[in-house]
Amino acid sequence: MATIRARKRADGCVSYTAQIRLVRDGTQVYQESQTFARKEAAKAWVRNREAELDQPGAVERANRKSATVKEMIDRYLAEMEKVRPLGKTKLATLRAIGESYFGKLTDQSVTSQQLVEYALWRMGKLGGGVQPQTAGNDLAHLGAVLSIARPAWGYEVDPHAMSDARRVLKKLGYNMKSRERDRRPTLDELDRVLTHFQEMQARRKSKINMLKVIGFALFSTRRQEEITRIQWKDLDEVGQRVLVRDMKNPGQKIGNDVWCHLPPEAWAILQTMPKSRSEIFPYNAPSISASWTRACQFLEIVNLNFHDLRHDGVSRLFEMDWDIPRVASVSGHRDWNSMRRYTHLRGRGDAYLNWAWSDRILQAPVTMGASLTN
């Protein structure tokens, strides 16, 4: 026997809880319930689940102790922490999935239909109204958990559920792949941002010298997390290189240390930093990001991320007629396909030749307060 009940959540939206009860010889032998964002999905689940439970041995298998998606995610996070810390985006995404309605599903209930339903919910108003690419990232991170849940821990997870769900979403017309970003800062935008930070520094001494950080990010093509990890001992004075520790890489992050060449502009900025700390830029990466975001919001500069400085730096080197191996020696990219995503040319030559801010960045005074490293 199955029932479907509508329930109003704390945020005002309505969810639908489907419950199945099986009784044999007057005794209840099985009970299961699932919650859905749409009533149609709840009805479909009831039909499919009742058909599955009619199969020989299905009730016995269903009565075994199962695990929820949240429990699988928690176990995955605990296991991965022993090997290498996860990136903050993946970590936050998995935790959010675990706390959502999807986190309450059991391992056997994770079907392609449920995954499609979750993706549609995420793209809908109730799930946050995210872009298909963001929903696709959710599925990718969740897929990492599901891919080892069955072979490693023995959970009853359909090995084809994720691939089937992605196939369905593609047929429905959703492009779940991340779009290549082509945003680069203009010289006018950089002038406004740097002027903003220079005026702030003059009014109130800040521990984070954003002029130095922005200039170094642009000319070195380094990510903000990499910048804050660089130590003086990581410099090769003769080769004008820097050892970038734990460089981001899809297959490896922790222990992926790469030597990267520093163009003259980036090298000159390093030489102006005090050697009072082991780190060259003893700042907190999230604080750098927050300062950048606040400045862009205040200046009404739309859709410009700190990471776009790396994008601009790589494109600039190609505009200066550097070849692929030489640009890769700076950016740290291993193949052209990855580097191509950062390459959107505007013309030929060096747009930063005789740039007024070059000398201002070098001459900007640095005040070292309490350590702000990660």
Protein backbone atom coordinates (compact mmCIF):
# COMPACT_ATOMS: atom_id res chain seq x y z
CA MET A 1 0.00 0.00 0.00
CA ALA A 2 1.33 3.44 -0.91
CA THR A 3 0.40 6.94 0.19
CA ILE A 4 1.59 10.39 -0.88
CA ARG A 5 1.36 13.31 1.52
CA ALA A 6 2.05 16.96 0.80
CA ARG A 7 4.10 18.76 3.44
CA LYS A 8 4.88 22.45 3.75
CA ARG A 9 8.52 23.15 4.53
CA ALA A 10 9.88 25.91 6.74
CA ASP A 11 10.76 28.01 3.68
CA GLY A 12 7.14 27.87 2.48
CA CYS A 13 7.62 25.46 -0.44
CA VAL A 14 5.73 22.16 -0.67
CA SER A 15 7.34 18.73 -0.77
CA TYR A 16 5.72 15.34 -1.34
CA THR A 17 6.49 12.34 0.82
CA ALA A 18 5.69 8.97 -0.73
CA GLN A 19 5.41 6.03 1.66
CA ILE A 20 5.21 2.33 0.85
CA ARG A 21 4.03 -0.29 3.39
CA LEU A 22 4.02 -4.02 2.67
CA VAL A 23 1.96 -6.35 4.88
CA ARG A 24 2.10 -10.15 4.80
CA ASP A 25 -0.19 -12.35 6.90
CA GLY A 26 -1.24 -9.34 8.92
CA THR A 27 2.34 -8.30 9.71
CA GLN A 28 4.16 -5.33 8.24
CA VAL A 29 7.31 -6.68 6.61
CA TYR A 30 8.60 -3.57 4.94
CA GLN A 31 8.25 0.21 5.00
CA GLU A 32 9.97 2.88 2.98
CA SER A 33 9.42 6.54 2.26
CA GLN A 34 11.01 9.18 0.05
CA THR A 35 10.47 12.92 -0.30
CA PHE A 36 10.25 14.69 -3.65
CA ALA A 37 9.98 18.27 -4.82
CA ARG A 38 7.24 17.34 -7.33
CA LYS A 39 4.17 15.15 -6.93
CA GLU A 40 4.64 13.55 -10.34
CA ALA A 41 8.08 12.34 -9.33
CA ALA A 42 6.66 10.86 -6.13
CA LYS A 43 4.01 8.94 -8.10
CA ALA A 44 6.59 7.63 -10.55
CA TRP A 45 8.83 6.49 -7.71
CA VAL A 46 5.93 4.60 -6.09
CA ARG A 47 5.14 2.78 -9.34
CA ASN A 48 8.75 1.80 -9.99
CA ARG A 49 9.51 0.87 -6.40
CA GLU A 50 6.42 -1.30 -5.99
CA ALA A 51 7.35 -3.15 -9.17
CA GLU A 52 10.87 -3.71 -7.85
CA LEU A 53 9.59 -4.99 -4.50
CA ASP A 54 7.41 -7.55 -6.31
CA GLN A 55 10.54 -9.35 -7.50
CA PRO A 56 11.69 -12.47 -5.58
CA GLY A 57 13.97 -11.63 -2.68
CA ALA A 58 13.53 -7.88 -3.15
CA VAL A 59 11.95 -7.31 0.27
CA GLU A 60 14.72 -9.22 2.00
CA ARG A 61 17.35 -7.20 0.22
CA ALA A 62 15.50 -3.97 0.97
CA ASN A 63 15.36 -4.76 4.67
CA ARG A 64 19.09 -4.85 5.00
CA LYS A 65 20.62 -1.78 6.62
CA SER A 66 21.14 0.93 4.05
CA ALA A 67 23.00 4.23 4.05
CA THR A 68 21.75 7.67 3.15
CA VAL A 69 23.44 9.89 0.59
CA LYS A 70 24.55 12.16 3.43
CA GLU A 71 26.17 9.22 5.22
CA MET A 72 27.97 8.21 2.03
CA ILE A 73 29.15 11.80 1.53
CA ASP A 74 30.38 12.05 5.13
CA ARG A 75 32.29 8.80 4.75
CA TYR A 76 33.78 9.97 1.47
CA LEU A 77 34.93 13.24 3.02
CA ALA A 78 36.48 11.43 5.98
CA GLU A 79 38.31 8.97 3.72
CA MET A 80 39.55 11.65 1.31
CA GLU A 81 40.81 13.83 4.15
CA LYS A 82 43.31 11.08 4.97
CA VAL A 83 44.75 11.31 1.47
CA ARG A 84 44.45 14.96 0.48
CA PRO A 85 42.19 17.88 1.43
CA LEU A 86 39.39 18.59 -1.02
CA GLY A 87 39.01 21.94 -2.73
CA LYS A 88 36.70 24.38 -0.99
CA THR A 89 34.19 24.34 -3.87
CA LYS A 90 33.86 20.55 -3.95
CA LEU A 91 33.73 20.38 -0.16
CA ALA A 92 30.99 23.02 0.09
CA THR A 93 29.00 21.43 -2.75
CA LEU A 94 29.03 17.95 -1.23
CA ARG A 95 28.04 19.25 2.18
CA ALA A 96 25.16 21.21 0.64
CA ILE A 97 23.94 18.10 -1.19
CA GLY A 98 24.09 16.14 2.05
CA GLU A 99 21.95 18.74 3.83
CA SER A 100 19.40 18.93 1.01
CA TYR A 101 16.43 16.63 0.57
CA PHE A 102 18.64 14.48 -1.67
CA GLY A 103 20.89 13.70 1.28
CA LYS A 104 18.04 11.77 2.91
CA LEU A 105 17.77 9.28 0.05
CA THR A 106 19.11 5.79 0.69
CA ASP A 107 21.74 4.16 -1.48
CA GLN A 108 19.19 1.94 -3.24
CA SER A 109 17.01 4.97 -4.01
CA VAL A 110 19.69 6.80 -5.98
CA THR A 111 18.38 6.21 -9.49
CA SER A 112 18.83 8.11 -12.71
CA GLN A 113 15.34 9.50 -12.22
CA GLN A 114 16.23 10.84 -8.79
CA LEU A 115 19.41 12.42 -10.14
CA VAL A 116 17.50 14.08 -12.98
CA GLU A 117 14.91 15.29 -10.49
CA TYR A 118 17.64 16.76 -8.28
CA ALA A 119 19.28 18.58 -11.20
CA LEU A 120 15.92 20.04 -12.28
CA TRP A 121 15.21 21.05 -8.68
CA ARG A 122 18.58 22.83 -8.44
CA MET A 123 17.85 24.73 -11.65
CA GLY A 124 14.36 25.62 -10.41
CA LYS A 125 13.45 28.43 -8.05
CA LEU A 126 13.13 26.18 -5.00
CA GLY A 127 16.61 24.71 -5.50
CA GLY A 128 18.38 28.02 -5.95
CA GLY A 129 17.76 28.72 -9.62
CA VAL A 130 21.32 27.81 -10.60
CA GLN A 131 22.64 27.57 -14.14
CA PRO A 132 22.78 24.13 -15.81
CA GLN A 133 26.56 24.24 -15.53
CA THR A 134 26.33 24.59 -11.75
CA ALA A 135 23.88 21.70 -11.54
CA GLY A 136 26.32 19.75 -13.71
CA ASN A 137 29.10 20.47 -11.22
CA ASP A 138 26.87 19.20 -8.43
CA LEU A 139 26.39 15.92 -10.30
CA ALA A 140 30.11 15.67 -11.03
CA HIS A 141 31.07 16.03 -7.36
CA LEU A 142 28.30 13.66 -6.28
CA GLY A 143 29.42 11.21 -8.96
CA ALA A 144 32.85 11.01 -7.31
CA VAL A 145 31.13 9.72 -4.16
CA LEU A 146 28.81 7.28 -5.92
CA SER A 147 31.61 5.84 -8.06
CA ILE A 148 33.32 4.32 -5.03
CA ALA A 149 30.30 3.75 -2.75
CA ARG A 150 29.54 0.33 -4.26
CA PRO A 151 32.99 -1.17 -4.89
CA ALA A 152 34.63 0.28 -1.76
CA TRP A 153 31.85 0.13 0.83
CA GLY A 154 29.31 -2.31 -0.59
CA TYR A 155 26.42 0.13 -0.84
CA GLU A 156 23.67 -0.69 -3.32
CA VAL A 157 24.24 2.11 -5.80
CA ASP A 158 23.24 1.73 -9.44
CA PRO A 159 26.55 2.05 -11.33
CA HIS A 160 24.75 3.40 -14.40
CA ALA A 161 22.50 5.92 -12.64
CA MET A 162 24.75 8.95 -13.11
CA SER A 163 25.57 8.33 -16.77
CA ASP A 164 21.91 7.67 -17.53
CA ALA A 165 20.89 10.88 -15.74
CA ARG A 166 23.37 12.95 -17.71
CA ARG A 167 22.14 11.40 -20.94
CA VAL A 168 18.54 12.29 -20.08
CA LEU A 169 19.44 15.87 -19.16
CA LYS A 170 21.30 16.26 -22.44
CA LYS A 171 18.27 14.94 -24.34
CA LEU A 172 16.14 17.49 -22.48
CA GLY A 173 18.38 20.24 -23.89
CA TYR A 174 20.43 21.14 -20.83
CA ASN A 175 24.11 21.86 -21.39
CA MET A 176 25.65 20.72 -18.10
CA LYS A 177 29.24 21.39 -19.14
CA SER A 178 31.02 24.46 -17.78
CA ARG A 179 31.15 27.35 -20.20
CA GLU A 180 34.52 28.72 -21.17
CA ARG A 181 34.94 32.10 -19.55
CA ASP A 182 36.31 34.85 -21.81
CA ARG A 183 36.18 37.78 -19.36
CA ARG A 184 39.33 39.89 -19.12
CA PRO A 185 39.76 43.17 -17.26
CA THR A 186 40.11 46.31 -19.35
CA LEU A 187 42.84 48.83 -18.61
CA ASP A 188 40.14 51.27 -17.48
CA GLU A 189 38.71 48.72 -15.04
CA LEU A 190 42.15 47.98 -13.62
CA ASP A 191 42.84 51.70 -13.29
CA ARG A 192 39.64 52.13 -11.28
CA VAL A 193 40.31 49.13 -9.05
CA LEU A 194 43.94 50.04 -8.37
CA THR A 195 43.04 53.68 -7.72
CA HIS A 196 40.41 52.47 -5.25
CA PHE A 197 42.93 50.36 -3.32
CA GLN A 198 45.58 53.07 -3.44
CA GLU A 199 43.17 55.58 -1.92
CA MET A 200 42.12 53.06 0.72
CA GLN A 201 45.76 52.40 1.59
CA ALA A 202 46.41 56.12 1.95
CA ARG A 203 43.42 56.61 4.28
CA ARG A 204 43.94 53.51 6.38
CA LYS A 205 46.94 51.23 6.31
CA SER A 206 45.83 47.75 5.33
CA LYS A 207 47.76 44.59 6.04
CA ILE A 208 46.93 43.29 2.56
CA ASN A 209 48.73 45.28 -0.09
CA MET A 210 46.27 44.72 -2.92
CA LEU A 211 48.34 46.72 -5.39
CA LYS A 212 51.22 44.25 -5.08
CA VAL A 213 48.92 41.22 -5.11
CA ILE A 214 46.96 42.38 -8.17
CA GLY A 215 50.09 43.28 -10.11
CA PHE A 216 51.78 39.99 -9.27
CA ALA A 217 48.65 37.97 -10.14
CA LEU A 218 48.43 39.68 -13.50
CA PHE A 219 52.06 39.36 -14.57
CA SER A 220 52.80 35.95 -12.99
CA THR A 221 49.40 34.37 -13.97
CA ARG A 222 49.26 32.82 -10.49
CA ARG A 223 46.05 31.91 -8.64
CA GLN A 224 45.31 33.68 -5.35
CA GLU A 225 45.82 30.50 -3.29
CA GLU A 226 49.18 29.90 -4.99
CA ILE A 227 50.29 33.48 -4.37
CA THR A 228 49.72 33.20 -0.62
CA ARG A 229 51.68 29.92 -0.42
CA ILE A 230 54.86 31.14 -2.13
CA GLN A 231 57.82 31.34 0.25
CA TRP A 232 61.17 33.03 -0.18
CA LYS A 233 62.86 29.63 -0.19
CA ASP A 234 60.73 28.71 -3.23
CA LEU A 235 62.55 31.23 -5.47
CA ASP A 236 65.27 30.30 -7.93
CA GLU A 237 67.21 33.54 -8.27
CA VAL A 238 69.39 32.30 -11.13
CA GLY A 239 66.57 30.85 -13.22
CA GLN A 240 64.07 33.56 -12.20
CA ARG A 241 61.59 30.82 -11.31
CA VAL A 242 59.24 30.06 -8.46
CA LEU A 243 58.21 26.68 -7.11
CA VAL A 244 54.40 26.66 -7.08
CA ARG A 245 53.42 24.10 -4.48
CA ASP A 246 50.25 22.01 -4.77
CA MET A 247 49.30 23.52 -8.12
CA LYS A 248 45.70 22.87 -9.06
CA ASN A 249 45.31 19.87 -11.35
CA PRO A 250 42.25 17.65 -12.02
CA GLY A 251 44.17 14.47 -11.31
CA GLN A 252 46.49 15.69 -8.59
CA LYS A 253 46.69 18.71 -6.33
CA ILE A 254 48.53 17.90 -3.14
CA GLY A 255 52.18 17.26 -3.95
CA ASN A 256 51.88 18.69 -7.47
CA ASP A 257 54.79 21.11 -7.15
CA VAL A 258 55.73 22.88 -10.40
CA TRP A 259 58.55 25.26 -11.25
CA CYS A 260 57.18 28.29 -13.13
CA HIS A 261 59.10 31.07 -14.82
CA LEU A 262 58.37 34.61 -13.63
CA PRO A 263 58.25 37.37 -16.26
CA PRO A 264 60.36 40.46 -15.42
CA GLU A 265 57.35 42.48 -14.23
CA ALA A 266 56.32 39.79 -11.71
CA TRP A 267 59.92 39.25 -10.57
CA ALA A 268 60.34 42.98 -9.93
CA ILE A 269 57.22 43.07 -7.73
CA LEU A 270 58.57 40.20 -5.60
CA GLN A 271 61.77 42.08 -4.95
CA THR A 272 59.82 44.96 -3.35
CA MET A 273 58.25 42.74 -0.67
CA PRO A 274 59.79 42.72 2.84
CA LYS A 275 61.52 39.53 3.93
CA SER A 276 60.09 39.60 7.44
CA ARG A 277 57.96 36.49 6.88
CA SER A 278 58.67 33.11 5.34
CA GLU A 279 55.84 33.75 2.86
CA ILE A 280 56.36 36.49 0.28
CA PHE A 281 52.70 37.46 0.41
CA PRO A 282 51.68 36.48 3.98
CA TYR A 283 48.00 37.08 3.36
CA ASN A 284 44.80 35.08 3.51
CA ALA A 285 43.51 33.99 0.09
CA PRO A 286 39.79 34.33 0.95
CA SER A 287 40.47 37.83 2.30
CA ILE A 288 42.09 38.79 -1.01
CA SER A 289 39.06 37.48 -2.87
CA ALA A 290 36.66 39.32 -0.53
CA SER A 291 38.56 42.61 -0.93
CA TRP A 292 38.47 42.28 -4.71
CA THR A 293 34.76 41.46 -4.73
CA ARG A 294 33.87 44.41 -2.48
CA ALA A 295 35.89 46.79 -4.63
CA CYS A 296 34.20 45.64 -7.85
CA GLN A 297 30.78 45.95 -6.26
CA PHE A 298 31.57 49.45 -4.98
CA LEU A 299 32.90 50.51 -8.39
CA GLU A 300 29.98 48.78 -10.17
CA ILE A 301 32.30 46.64 -12.25
CA VAL A 302 30.22 43.68 -13.35
CA ASN A 303 31.28 40.04 -13.63
CA LEU A 304 35.00 40.49 -13.00
CA ASN A 305 36.64 37.86 -10.81
CA PHE A 306 40.11 37.90 -9.30
CA HIS A 307 40.84 34.75 -11.31
CA ASP A 308 40.30 36.78 -14.50
CA LEU A 309 43.72 38.36 -13.84
CA ARG A 310 45.29 34.96 -14.60
CA HIS A 311 43.17 34.79 -17.74
CA ASP A 312 44.41 38.22 -18.79
CA GLY A 313 48.02 37.36 -17.96
CA VAL A 314 48.05 34.24 -20.13
CA SER A 315 46.34 36.00 -23.06
CA ARG A 316 48.80 38.89 -22.77
CA LEU A 317 51.78 36.58 -23.26
CA PHE A 318 50.28 35.17 -26.47
CA GLU A 319 49.55 38.71 -27.67
CA MET A 320 53.28 39.37 -27.18
CA ASP A 321 53.96 36.50 -29.63
CA TRP A 322 55.17 34.02 -27.01
CA ASP A 323 54.86 30.43 -28.21
CA ILE A 324 52.92 27.71 -26.36
CA PRO A 325 55.87 26.10 -24.48
CA ARG A 326 57.10 29.49 -23.29
CA VAL A 327 53.65 30.56 -22.06
CA ALA A 328 53.21 27.17 -20.38
CA SER A 329 56.49 27.69 -18.54
CA VAL A 330 54.81 30.68 -16.84
CA SER A 331 51.24 29.46 -16.41
CA GLY A 332 52.10 25.87 -15.49
CA HIS A 333 49.61 24.34 -17.93
CA ARG A 334 50.41 20.83 -19.06
CA ASP A 335 48.53 20.79 -22.36
CA TRP A 336 47.13 23.15 -24.97
CA ASN A 337 43.49 22.19 -24.35
CA SER A 338 43.68 23.51 -20.79
CA MET A 339 45.60 26.63 -21.79
CA ARG A 340 43.21 27.38 -24.64
CA ARG A 341 40.45 28.14 -22.12
CA TYR A 342 42.59 31.04 -20.87
CA THR A 343 43.40 32.40 -24.29
CA HIS A 344 41.17 35.11 -25.76
CA LEU A 345 43.28 37.57 -27.71
CA ARG A 346 42.44 41.23 -28.22
CA GLY A 347 45.21 42.14 -30.59
CA ARG A 348 48.99 42.09 -30.90
CA GLY A 349 51.69 43.56 -28.68
CA ASP A 350 51.97 44.29 -24.96
CA ALA A 351 48.98 46.29 -23.71
CA TYR A 352 50.91 46.94 -20.48
CA LEU A 353 53.96 48.49 -22.14
CA ASN A 354 54.65 51.81 -20.39
CA TRP A 355 51.67 51.16 -18.12
CA ALA A 356 51.43 53.95 -15.54
CA TRP A 357 50.63 51.53 -12.74
CA SER A 358 53.82 49.50 -13.19
CA ASP A 359 55.94 52.02 -11.25
CA ARG A 360 53.14 52.80 -8.78
CA ILE A 361 52.85 49.13 -7.84
CA LEU A 362 56.60 48.82 -7.36
CA GLN A 363 56.74 51.98 -5.22
CA ALA A 364 53.69 51.16 -3.09
CA PRO A 365 54.77 50.91 0.57
CA VAL A 366 54.14 47.62 2.37
CA THR A 367 53.02 47.43 5.99
CA MET A 368 53.41 44.03 7.60
CA GLY A 369 51.11 43.54 10.56
CA ALA A 370 50.16 40.29 12.21
CA SER A 371 50.57 37.27 10.01
CA LEU A 372 47.57 36.70 7.77
CA THR A 373 48.61 33.47 6.13
CA ASN A 374 46.14 30.65 5.60
